[in-house]
Amino acid sequence: MFQFSKHVLEELEKRKIPQKLVEHTLNAPEQKVPEVDGIMCYQSRVEISGKAYLLRVMVNETMSPAVVVTMYRTSKISKYWRTP
């Protein structure tokens, strides 16, 4: 269960990222990468308007329910993708 902050809901609209893609990434992330201070990055490779992106969703897992604090898409997939 995830809660969306007001900021995230505004950013979804502004950044033109479908909420369904964010929800899918949260429920079935390709990778979970620790960031800072209890923030976990859920990330998945997605296609938006025919272009490949990495969708990065930052989640504060120390809260209950976990709170999505921000998210963004980037075309710099190799910069953030972690190879096991």
N, C-alpha and C. Protein backbone atom coordinates (compact mmCIF):
# COMPACT_ATOMS: atom_id res chain seq x y z
N MET A 1 0.84 -1.19 0.00
CA MET A 1 0.00 0.00 0.00
C MET A 1 0.89 1.25 0.00
N PHE A 2 0.60 2.16 -0.90
CA PHE A 2 1.38 3.37 -1.03
C PHE A 2 0.45 4.58 -0.98
N GLN A 3 0.94 5.65 -0.38
CA GLN A 3 0.20 6.90 -0.34
C GLN A 3 0.96 7.90 -1.22
N PHE A 4 0.22 8.63 -2.04
CA PHE A 4 0.83 9.64 -2.91
C PHE A 4 0.77 11.00 -2.21
N SER A 5 1.91 11.68 -2.14
CA SER A 5 1.92 13.04 -1.58
C SER A 5 1.24 13.98 -2.59
N LYS A 6 0.79 15.13 -2.09
CA LYS A 6 0.17 16.12 -2.96
C LYS A 6 1.15 16.54 -4.06
N HIS A 7 2.43 16.67 -3.69
CA HIS A 7 3.48 17.04 -4.65
C HIS A 7 3.52 16.05 -5.82
N VAL A 8 3.46 14.75 -5.50
CA VAL A 8 3.55 13.73 -6.55
C VAL A 8 2.35 13.81 -7.49
N LEU A 9 1.17 14.01 -6.94
CA LEU A 9 -0.02 14.10 -7.79
C LEU A 9 0.09 15.29 -8.74
N GLU A 10 0.63 16.40 -8.26
CA GLU A 10 0.83 17.57 -9.12
C GLU A 10 1.91 17.29 -10.18
N GLU A 11 2.97 16.61 -9.77
CA GLU A 11 4.07 16.32 -10.70
C GLU A 11 3.66 15.33 -11.78
N LEU A 12 2.79 14.38 -11.47
CA LEU A 12 2.29 13.44 -12.47
C LEU A 12 1.70 14.21 -13.65
N GLU A 13 0.87 15.18 -13.32
CA GLU A 13 0.21 15.98 -14.34
C GLU A 13 1.24 16.82 -15.10
N LYS A 14 2.10 17.51 -14.36
CA LYS A 14 3.07 18.42 -14.95
C LYS A 14 4.07 17.68 -15.85
N ARG A 15 4.52 16.50 -15.41
CA ARG A 15 5.53 15.75 -16.15
C ARG A 15 4.93 14.79 -17.18
N LYS A 16 3.60 14.78 -17.25
CA LYS A 16 2.89 13.93 -18.22
C LYS A 16 3.29 12.45 -18.09
N ILE A 17 3.27 11.97 -16.85
CA ILE A 17 3.57 10.56 -16.59
C ILE A 17 2.26 9.89 -16.16
N PRO A 18 1.83 8.87 -16.89
CA PRO A 18 0.58 8.19 -16.53
C PRO A 18 0.67 7.56 -15.13
N GLN A 19 -0.35 7.81 -14.31
CA GLN A 19 -0.36 7.27 -12.95
C GLN A 19 -0.30 5.74 -12.96
N LYS A 20 -0.88 5.11 -13.99
CA LYS A 20 -0.84 3.65 -14.08
C LYS A 20 0.59 3.13 -14.17
N LEU A 21 1.47 3.86 -14.87
CA LEU A 21 2.87 3.45 -14.96
C LEU A 21 3.55 3.53 -13.60
N VAL A 22 3.24 4.57 -12.85
CA VAL A 22 3.81 4.73 -11.51
C VAL A 22 3.32 3.59 -10.61
N GLU A 23 2.02 3.31 -10.65
CA GLU A 23 1.45 2.24 -9.83
C GLU A 23 2.06 0.89 -10.20
N HIS A 24 2.24 0.65 -11.49
CA HIS A 24 2.85 -0.62 -11.92
C HIS A 24 4.28 -0.73 -11.40
N THR A 25 5.03 0.36 -11.48
CA THR A 25 6.41 0.36 -10.99
C THR A 25 6.45 0.11 -9.48
N LEU A 26 5.50 0.68 -8.76
CA LEU A 26 5.46 0.46 -7.31
C LEU A 26 5.13 -1.00 -6.97
N ASN A 27 4.20 -1.58 -7.71
CA ASN A 27 3.76 -2.94 -7.43
C ASN A 27 4.69 -4.02 -7.96
N ALA A 28 5.41 -3.71 -9.03
CA ALA A 28 6.31 -4.70 -9.63
C ALA A 28 7.55 -4.01 -10.19
N PRO A 29 8.39 -3.41 -9.33
CA PRO A 29 9.57 -2.71 -9.83
C PRO A 29 10.60 -3.67 -10.41
N GLU A 30 11.27 -3.23 -11.47
CA GLU A 30 12.37 -4.05 -11.99
C GLU A 30 13.54 -4.01 -11.02
N GLN A 31 13.70 -2.88 -10.35
CA GLN A 31 14.79 -2.74 -9.37
C GLN A 31 14.34 -1.88 -8.21
N LYS A 32 14.91 -2.15 -7.03
CA LYS A 32 14.75 -1.29 -5.87
C LYS A 32 16.16 -0.90 -5.43
N VAL A 33 16.43 0.40 -5.44
CA VAL A 33 17.76 0.91 -5.15
C VAL A 33 17.68 1.83 -3.93
N PRO A 34 18.43 1.54 -2.87
CA PRO A 34 18.42 2.43 -1.70
C PRO A 34 18.98 3.80 -2.06
N GLU A 35 18.31 4.85 -1.59
CA GLU A 35 18.79 6.21 -1.81
C GLU A 35 19.30 6.74 -0.47
N VAL A 36 18.67 7.76 0.10
CA VAL A 36 19.14 8.33 1.37
C VAL A 36 18.03 8.32 2.43
N ASP A 37 18.41 8.26 3.69
CA ASP A 37 17.50 8.43 4.82
C ASP A 37 16.17 7.69 4.70
N GLY A 38 16.20 6.40 4.47
CA GLY A 38 14.97 5.61 4.41
C GLY A 38 14.20 5.73 3.12
N ILE A 39 14.79 6.39 2.13
CA ILE A 39 14.13 6.53 0.82
C ILE A 39 14.63 5.40 -0.09
N MET A 40 13.67 4.69 -0.67
CA MET A 40 13.98 3.61 -1.61
C MET A 40 13.49 4.05 -2.99
N CYS A 41 14.33 3.83 -3.99
CA CYS A 41 13.95 4.16 -5.37
C CYS A 41 13.44 2.89 -6.05
N TYR A 42 12.18 2.91 -6.44
CA TYR A 42 11.60 1.83 -7.23
C TYR A 42 11.75 2.28 -8.67
N GLN A 43 12.37 1.45 -9.50
CA GLN A 43 12.55 1.88 -10.88
C GLN A 43 12.26 0.77 -11.87
N SER A 44 11.75 1.18 -13.03
CA SER A 44 11.43 0.27 -14.12
C SER A 44 11.64 0.99 -15.45
N ARG A 45 12.02 0.22 -16.44
CA ARG A 45 12.13 0.76 -17.80
C ARG A 45 10.72 0.79 -18.39
N VAL A 46 10.33 1.94 -18.94
CA VAL A 46 8.98 2.11 -19.49
C VAL A 46 9.07 2.80 -20.85
N GLU A 47 7.94 2.79 -21.54
CA GLU A 47 7.85 3.51 -22.81
C GLU A 47 6.75 4.54 -22.67
N ILE A 48 7.08 5.79 -22.97
CA ILE A 48 6.11 6.88 -22.94
C ILE A 48 6.19 7.60 -24.27
N SER A 49 5.06 7.66 -24.95
CA SER A 49 4.98 8.29 -26.28
C SER A 49 6.02 7.71 -27.25
N GLY A 50 6.21 6.39 -27.18
CA GLY A 50 7.10 5.71 -28.11
C GLY A 50 8.58 5.84 -27.80
N LYS A 51 8.92 6.40 -26.65
CA LYS A 51 10.33 6.59 -26.29
C LYS A 51 10.65 5.84 -25.00
N ALA A 52 11.85 5.27 -24.92
CA ALA A 52 12.26 4.50 -23.74
C ALA A 52 12.75 5.44 -22.63
N TYR A 53 12.26 5.19 -21.43
CA TYR A 53 12.66 5.96 -20.26
C TYR A 53 12.88 5.02 -19.08
N LEU A 54 13.54 5.54 -18.08
CA LEU A 54 13.60 4.88 -16.79
C LEU A 54 12.71 5.70 -15.87
N LEU A 55 11.70 5.05 -15.31
CA LEU A 55 10.80 5.71 -14.37
C LEU A 55 11.33 5.44 -12.97
N ARG A 56 11.66 6.51 -12.23
CA ARG A 56 12.23 6.41 -10.88
C ARG A 56 11.22 6.99 -9.90
N VAL A 57 10.80 6.15 -8.96
CA VAL A 57 9.79 6.55 -7.98
C VAL A 57 10.43 6.46 -6.60
N MET A 58 10.52 7.61 -5.91
CA MET A 58 11.15 7.66 -4.60
C MET A 58 10.09 7.46 -3.52
N VAL A 59 10.33 6.47 -2.66
CA VAL A 59 9.35 6.09 -1.65
C VAL A 59 9.98 6.15 -0.26
N ASN A 60 9.29 6.83 0.66
CA ASN A 60 9.73 6.85 2.06
C ASN A 60 9.12 5.61 2.71
N GLU A 61 9.95 4.58 2.89
CA GLU A 61 9.47 3.30 3.43
C GLU A 61 9.42 3.30 4.96
N THR A 62 9.90 4.39 5.60
CA THR A 62 9.87 4.43 7.07
C THR A 62 8.48 4.82 7.58
N MET A 63 7.60 5.26 6.68
CA MET A 63 6.25 5.66 7.06
C MET A 63 5.28 4.53 6.78
N SER A 64 4.14 4.55 7.46
CA SER A 64 3.13 3.52 7.24
C SER A 64 1.77 4.20 7.03
N PRO A 65 1.17 4.10 5.83
CA PRO A 65 1.72 3.39 4.67
C PRO A 65 2.90 4.16 4.06
N ALA A 66 3.67 3.46 3.25
CA ALA A 66 4.82 4.08 2.58
C ALA A 66 4.34 5.25 1.72
N VAL A 67 5.11 6.34 1.72
CA VAL A 67 4.70 7.55 1.00
C VAL A 67 5.59 7.78 -0.21
N VAL A 68 4.95 7.94 -1.37
CA VAL A 68 5.67 8.30 -2.60
C VAL A 68 5.97 9.79 -2.50
N VAL A 69 7.27 10.13 -2.41
CA VAL A 69 7.64 11.53 -2.20
C VAL A 69 7.94 12.28 -3.49
N THR A 70 8.44 11.59 -4.49
CA THR A 70 8.61 12.20 -5.81
C THR A 70 8.84 11.11 -6.84
N MET A 71 8.73 11.47 -8.09
CA MET A 71 9.03 10.55 -9.18
C MET A 71 9.37 11.35 -10.41
N TYR A 72 10.12 10.71 -11.28
CA TYR A 72 10.46 11.36 -12.55
C TYR A 72 10.88 10.31 -13.55
N ARG A 73 10.89 10.69 -14.82
CA ARG A 73 11.38 9.81 -15.87
C ARG A 73 12.68 10.40 -16.39
N THR A 74 13.57 9.52 -16.83
CA THR A 74 14.83 9.99 -17.41
C THR A 74 15.18 9.11 -18.61
N SER A 75 15.79 9.71 -19.60
CA SER A 75 16.25 8.93 -20.75
C SER A 75 17.66 8.39 -20.50
N LYS A 76 18.28 8.82 -19.41
CA LYS A 76 19.64 8.36 -19.06
C LYS A 76 19.55 7.05 -18.27
N ILE A 77 19.04 6.02 -18.91
CA ILE A 77 18.80 4.74 -18.25
C ILE A 77 20.09 4.16 -17.69
N SER A 78 21.16 4.17 -18.48
CA SER A 78 22.41 3.54 -18.05
C SER A 78 23.03 4.23 -16.83
N LYS A 79 22.71 5.50 -16.63
CA LYS A 79 23.25 6.24 -15.49
C LYS A 79 22.74 5.68 -14.15
N TYR A 80 21.47 5.25 -14.13
CA TYR A 80 20.84 4.83 -12.89
C TYR A 80 20.62 3.32 -12.77
N TRP A 81 20.69 2.61 -13.90
CA TRP A 81 20.41 1.17 -13.88
C TRP A 81 21.53 0.43 -13.17
N ARG A 82 21.19 -0.42 -12.25
CA ARG A 82 22.18 -1.19 -11.49
C ARG A 82 22.28 -2.61 -12.05
N THR A 83 23.46 -2.99 -12.45
CA THR A 83 23.68 -4.35 -12.95
C THR A 83 24.12 -5.22 -11.78
N PRO A 84 23.44 -6.35 -11.61
CA PRO A 84 23.80 -7.21 -10.45
C PRO A 84 25.20 -7.78 -10.56
